[in-house]
PDB file of N, CA and C in Angstrom:
ATOM      1  N   MET A   1     -95.845 -76.590  73.090  1.00  0.00           N
ATOM      2  CA  MET A   1     -94.429 -76.403  73.213  1.00  0.00           C
ATOM      3  C   MET A   1     -94.098 -75.015  72.686  1.00  0.00           C
ATOM      4  N   LYS A   2     -93.234 -74.320  73.420  1.00  0.00           N
ATOM      5  CA  LYS A   2     -92.787 -72.998  72.997  1.00  0.00           C
ATOM      6  C   LYS A   2     -91.316 -73.059  72.630  1.00  0.00           C
ATOM      7  N   PHE A   3     -90.962 -72.371  71.574  1.00  0.00           N
ATOM      8  CA  PHE A   3     -89.574 -72.267  71.167  1.00  0.00           C
ATOM      9  C   PHE A   3     -89.096 -70.853  71.435  1.00  0.00           C
ATOM     10  N   ARG A   4     -87.826 -70.739  71.814  1.00  0.00           N
ATOM     11  CA  ARG A   4     -87.222 -69.432  72.012  1.00  0.00           C
ATOM     12  C   ARG A   4     -85.755 -69.536  71.626  1.00  0.00           C
ATOM     13  N   LYS A   5     -85.139 -68.407  71.417  1.00  0.00           N
ATOM     14  CA  LYS A   5     -83.712 -68.407  71.107  1.00  0.00           C
ATOM     15  C   LYS A   5     -82.940 -68.773  72.362  1.00  0.00           C
ATOM     16  N   ALA A   6     -81.875 -69.510  72.173  1.00  0.00           N
ATOM     17  CA  ALA A   6     -81.022 -69.889  73.296  1.00  0.00           C
ATOM     18  C   ALA A   6     -80.310 -68.659  73.849  1.00  0.00           C
ATOM     19  N   THR A   7     -80.058 -68.696  75.140  1.00  0.00           N
ATOM     20  CA  THR A   7     -79.295 -67.638  75.790  1.00  0.00           C
ATOM     21  C   THR A   7     -77.985 -68.221  76.288  1.00  0.00           C
ATOM     22  N   LYS A   8     -77.135 -67.345  76.742  1.00  0.00           N
ATOM     23  CA  LYS A   8     -75.848 -67.767  77.296  1.00  0.00           C
ATOM     24  C   LYS A   8     -76.047 -68.772  78.438  1.00  0.00           C
ATOM     25  N   ASN A   9     -77.108 -68.608  79.189  1.00  0.00           N
ATOM     26  CA  ASN A   9     -77.390 -69.514  80.309  1.00  0.00           C
ATOM     27  C   ASN A   9     -77.787 -70.916  79.856  1.00  0.00           C
ATOM     28  N   ASP A  10     -78.161 -71.085  78.610  1.00  0.00           N
ATOM     29  CA  ASP A  10     -78.590 -72.377  78.079  1.00  0.00           C
ATOM     30  C   ASP A  10     -77.433 -73.223  77.543  1.00  0.00           C
ATOM     31  N   ILE A  11     -76.309 -72.617  77.321  1.00  0.00           N
ATOM     32  CA  ILE A  11     -75.209 -73.298  76.626  1.00  0.00           C
ATOM     33  C   ILE A  11     -74.795 -74.593  77.313  1.00  0.00           C
ATOM     34  N   SER A  12     -74.625 -74.562  78.605  1.00  0.00           N
ATOM     35  CA  SER A  12     -74.159 -75.744  79.329  1.00  0.00           C
ATOM     36  C   SER A  12     -75.104 -76.929  79.159  1.00  0.00           C
ATOM     37  N   ILE A  13     -76.398 -76.720  79.315  1.00  0.00           N
ATOM     38  CA  ILE A  13     -77.350 -77.824  79.186  1.00  0.00           C
ATOM     39  C   ILE A  13     -77.439 -78.319  77.748  1.00  0.00           C
ATOM     40  N   ILE A  14     -77.303 -77.416  76.790  1.00  0.00           N
ATOM     41  CA  ILE A  14     -77.320 -77.825  75.382  1.00  0.00           C
ATOM     42  C   ILE A  14     -76.130 -78.724  75.076  1.00  0.00           C
ATOM     43  N   VAL A  15     -74.945 -78.315  75.518  1.00  0.00           N
ATOM     44  CA  VAL A  15     -73.753 -79.132  75.280  1.00  0.00           C
ATOM     45  C   VAL A  15     -73.874 -80.463  76.011  1.00  0.00           C
ATOM     46  N   GLU A  16     -74.415 -80.446  77.213  1.00  0.00           N
ATOM     47  CA  GLU A  16     -74.595 -81.695  77.966  1.00  0.00           C
ATOM     48  C   GLU A  16     -75.533 -82.647  77.235  1.00  0.00           C
ATOM     49  N   MET A  17     -76.625 -82.132  76.683  1.00  0.00           N
ATOM     50  CA  MET A  17     -77.563 -82.987  75.943  1.00  0.00           C
ATOM     51  C   MET A  17     -76.907 -83.554  74.684  1.00  0.00           C
ATOM     52  N   ILE A  18     -76.155 -82.736  73.963  1.00  0.00           N
ATOM     53  CA  ILE A  18     -75.499 -83.216  72.748  1.00  0.00           C
ATOM     54  C   ILE A  18     -74.445 -84.264  73.091  1.00  0.00           C
ATOM     55  N   ALA A  19     -73.721 -84.057  74.183  1.00  0.00           N
ATOM     56  CA  ALA A  19     -72.660 -84.988  74.571  1.00  0.00           C
ATOM     57  C   ALA A  19     -73.212 -86.311  75.092  1.00  0.00           C
ATOM     58  N   ASP A  20     -74.494 -86.356  75.420  1.00  0.00           N
ATOM     59  CA  ASP A  20     -75.119 -87.577  75.938  1.00  0.00           C
ATOM     60  C   ASP A  20     -75.682 -88.412  74.787  1.00  0.00           C
ATOM     61  N   ASP A  21     -74.881 -88.611  73.781  1.00  0.00           N
ATOM     62  CA  ASP A  21     -75.268 -89.313  72.569  1.00  0.00           C
ATOM     63  C   ASP A  21     -74.033 -90.030  72.056  1.00  0.00           C
ATOM     64  N   GLU A  22     -74.211 -91.159  71.415  1.00  0.00           N
ATOM     65  CA  GLU A  22     -73.066 -91.942  70.933  1.00  0.00           C
ATOM     66  C   GLU A  22     -72.125 -91.125  70.050  1.00  0.00           C
ATOM     67  N   VAL A  23     -72.674 -90.350  69.143  1.00  0.00           N
ATOM     68  CA  VAL A  23     -71.843 -89.540  68.257  1.00  0.00           C
ATOM     69  C   VAL A  23     -71.369 -88.280  68.977  1.00  0.00           C
ATOM     70  N   GLY A  24     -72.271 -87.633  69.696  1.00  0.00           N
ATOM     71  CA  GLY A  24     -71.952 -86.383  70.375  1.00  0.00           C
ATOM     72  C   GLY A  24     -70.844 -86.511  71.391  1.00  0.00           C
ATOM     73  N   LYS A  25     -70.812 -87.636  72.099  1.00  0.00           N
ATOM     74  CA  LYS A  25     -69.774 -87.774  73.126  1.00  0.00           C
ATOM     75  C   LYS A  25     -68.376 -87.901  72.529  1.00  0.00           C
ATOM     76  N   THR A  26     -68.290 -88.195  71.245  1.00  0.00           N
ATOM     77  CA  THR A  26     -66.976 -88.248  70.605  1.00  0.00           C
ATOM     78  C   THR A  26     -66.547 -86.881  70.083  1.00  0.00           C
ATOM     79  N   ARG A  27     -67.520 -85.932  69.991  1.00  0.00           N
ATOM     80  CA  ARG A  27     -67.214 -84.616  69.431  1.00  0.00           C
ATOM     81  C   ARG A  27     -67.234 -83.491  70.449  1.00  0.00           C
ATOM     82  N   GLU A  28     -68.055 -83.618  71.480  1.00  0.00           N
ATOM     83  CA  GLU A  28     -68.235 -82.538  72.439  1.00  0.00           C
ATOM     84  C   GLU A  28     -67.387 -82.760  73.686  1.00  0.00           C
ATOM     85  N   ASN A  29     -67.097 -81.672  74.372  1.00  0.00           N
ATOM     86  CA  ASN A  29     -66.251 -81.709  75.560  1.00  0.00           C
ATOM     87  C   ASN A  29     -67.031 -81.121  76.729  1.00  0.00           C
ATOM     88  N   PHE A  30     -68.024 -81.879  77.219  1.00  0.00           N
ATOM     89  CA  PHE A  30     -68.829 -81.373  78.329  1.00  0.00           C
ATOM     90  C   PHE A  30     -68.063 -81.554  79.630  1.00  0.00           C
ATOM     91  N   GLN A  31     -67.856 -80.440  80.318  1.00  0.00           N
ATOM     92  CA  GLN A  31     -67.200 -80.409  81.619  1.00  0.00           C
ATOM     93  C   GLN A  31     -67.854 -79.318  82.446  1.00  0.00           C
ATOM     94  N   VAL A  32     -67.644 -79.387  83.750  1.00  0.00           N
ATOM     95  CA  VAL A  32     -68.057 -78.294  84.634  1.00  0.00           C
ATOM     96  C   VAL A  32     -66.799 -77.762  85.278  1.00  0.00           C
ATOM     97  N   PRO A  33     -66.450 -76.510  85.034  1.00  0.00           N
ATOM     98  CA  PRO A  33     -67.134 -75.540  84.191  1.00  0.00           C
ATOM     99  C   PRO A  33     -66.929 -75.854  82.714  1.00  0.00           C
ATOM    100  N   LEU A  34     -67.829 -75.354  81.926  1.00  0.00           N
ATOM    101  CA  LEU A  34     -67.800 -75.574  80.485  1.00  0.00           C
ATOM    102  C   LEU A  34     -66.592 -74.863  79.883  1.00  0.00           C
ATOM    103  N   PRO A  35     -65.864 -75.517  78.972  1.00  0.00           N
ATOM    104  CA  PRO A  35     -64.730 -74.856  78.336  1.00  0.00           C
ATOM    105  C   PRO A  35     -65.144 -73.535  77.667  1.00  0.00           C
ATOM    106  N   ALA A  36     -64.292 -72.562  77.744  1.00  0.00           N
ATOM    107  CA  ALA A  36     -64.566 -71.216  77.233  1.00  0.00           C
ATOM    108  C   ALA A  36     -64.863 -71.204  75.741  1.00  0.00           C
ATOM    109  N   GLU A  37     -64.392 -72.185  74.993  1.00  0.00           N
ATOM    110  CA  GLU A  37     -64.629 -72.208  73.543  1.00  0.00           C
ATOM    111  C   GLU A  37     -66.126 -72.179  73.227  1.00  0.00           C
ATOM    112  N   TYR A  38     -66.933 -72.837  74.027  1.00  0.00           N
ATOM    113  CA  TYR A  38     -68.386 -72.859  73.778  1.00  0.00           C
ATOM    114  C   TYR A  38     -68.989 -71.472  73.980  1.00  0.00           C
ATOM    115  N   LEU A  39     -68.604 -70.797  75.031  1.00  0.00           N
ATOM    116  CA  LEU A  39     -69.122 -69.456  75.300  1.00  0.00           C
ATOM    117  C   LEU A  39     -68.638 -68.485  74.232  1.00  0.00           C
ATOM    118  N   ASN A  40     -67.374 -68.611  73.839  1.00  0.00           N
ATOM    119  CA  ASN A  40     -66.831 -67.744  72.794  1.00  0.00           C
ATOM    120  C   ASN A  40     -67.576 -67.944  71.476  1.00  0.00           C
ATOM    121  N   ALA A  41     -67.854 -69.189  71.127  1.00  0.00           N
ATOM    122  CA  ALA A  41     -68.587 -69.471  69.883  1.00  0.00           C
ATOM    123  C   ALA A  41     -69.993 -68.896  69.941  1.00  0.00           C
ATOM    124  N   PHE A  42     -70.640 -68.983  71.078  1.00  0.00           N
ATOM    125  CA  PHE A  42     -71.987 -68.443  71.222  1.00  0.00           C
ATOM    126  C   PHE A  42     -71.989 -66.933  71.047  1.00  0.00           C
ATOM    127  N   GLU A  43     -71.008 -66.283  71.623  1.00  0.00           N
ATOM    128  CA  GLU A  43     -70.918 -64.830  71.527  1.00  0.00           C
ATOM    129  C   GLU A  43     -70.680 -64.361  70.086  1.00  0.00           C
ATOM    130  N   LYS A  44     -70.058 -65.191  69.258  1.00  0.00           N
ATOM    131  CA  LYS A  44     -69.749 -64.832  67.871  1.00  0.00           C
ATOM    132  C   LYS A  44     -70.889 -65.114  66.910  1.00  0.00           C
ATOM    133  N   LYS A  45     -71.970 -65.682  67.363  1.00  0.00           N
ATOM    134  CA  LYS A  45     -73.079 -66.085  66.487  1.00  0.00           C
ATOM    135  C   LYS A  45     -73.615 -65.006  65.636  1.00  0.00           C
TER     136      LYS A  45
END
């Protein structure tokens, strides 16, 4: 298994995976297109 830093292109799938969980689905807002807040947060990292 290889690990790498996430890129902007990974954000949508990461949020989708987190939202596919009992706890995550109550906290995350997975939609297509992904809400801008996720991209903005990634850019501020």
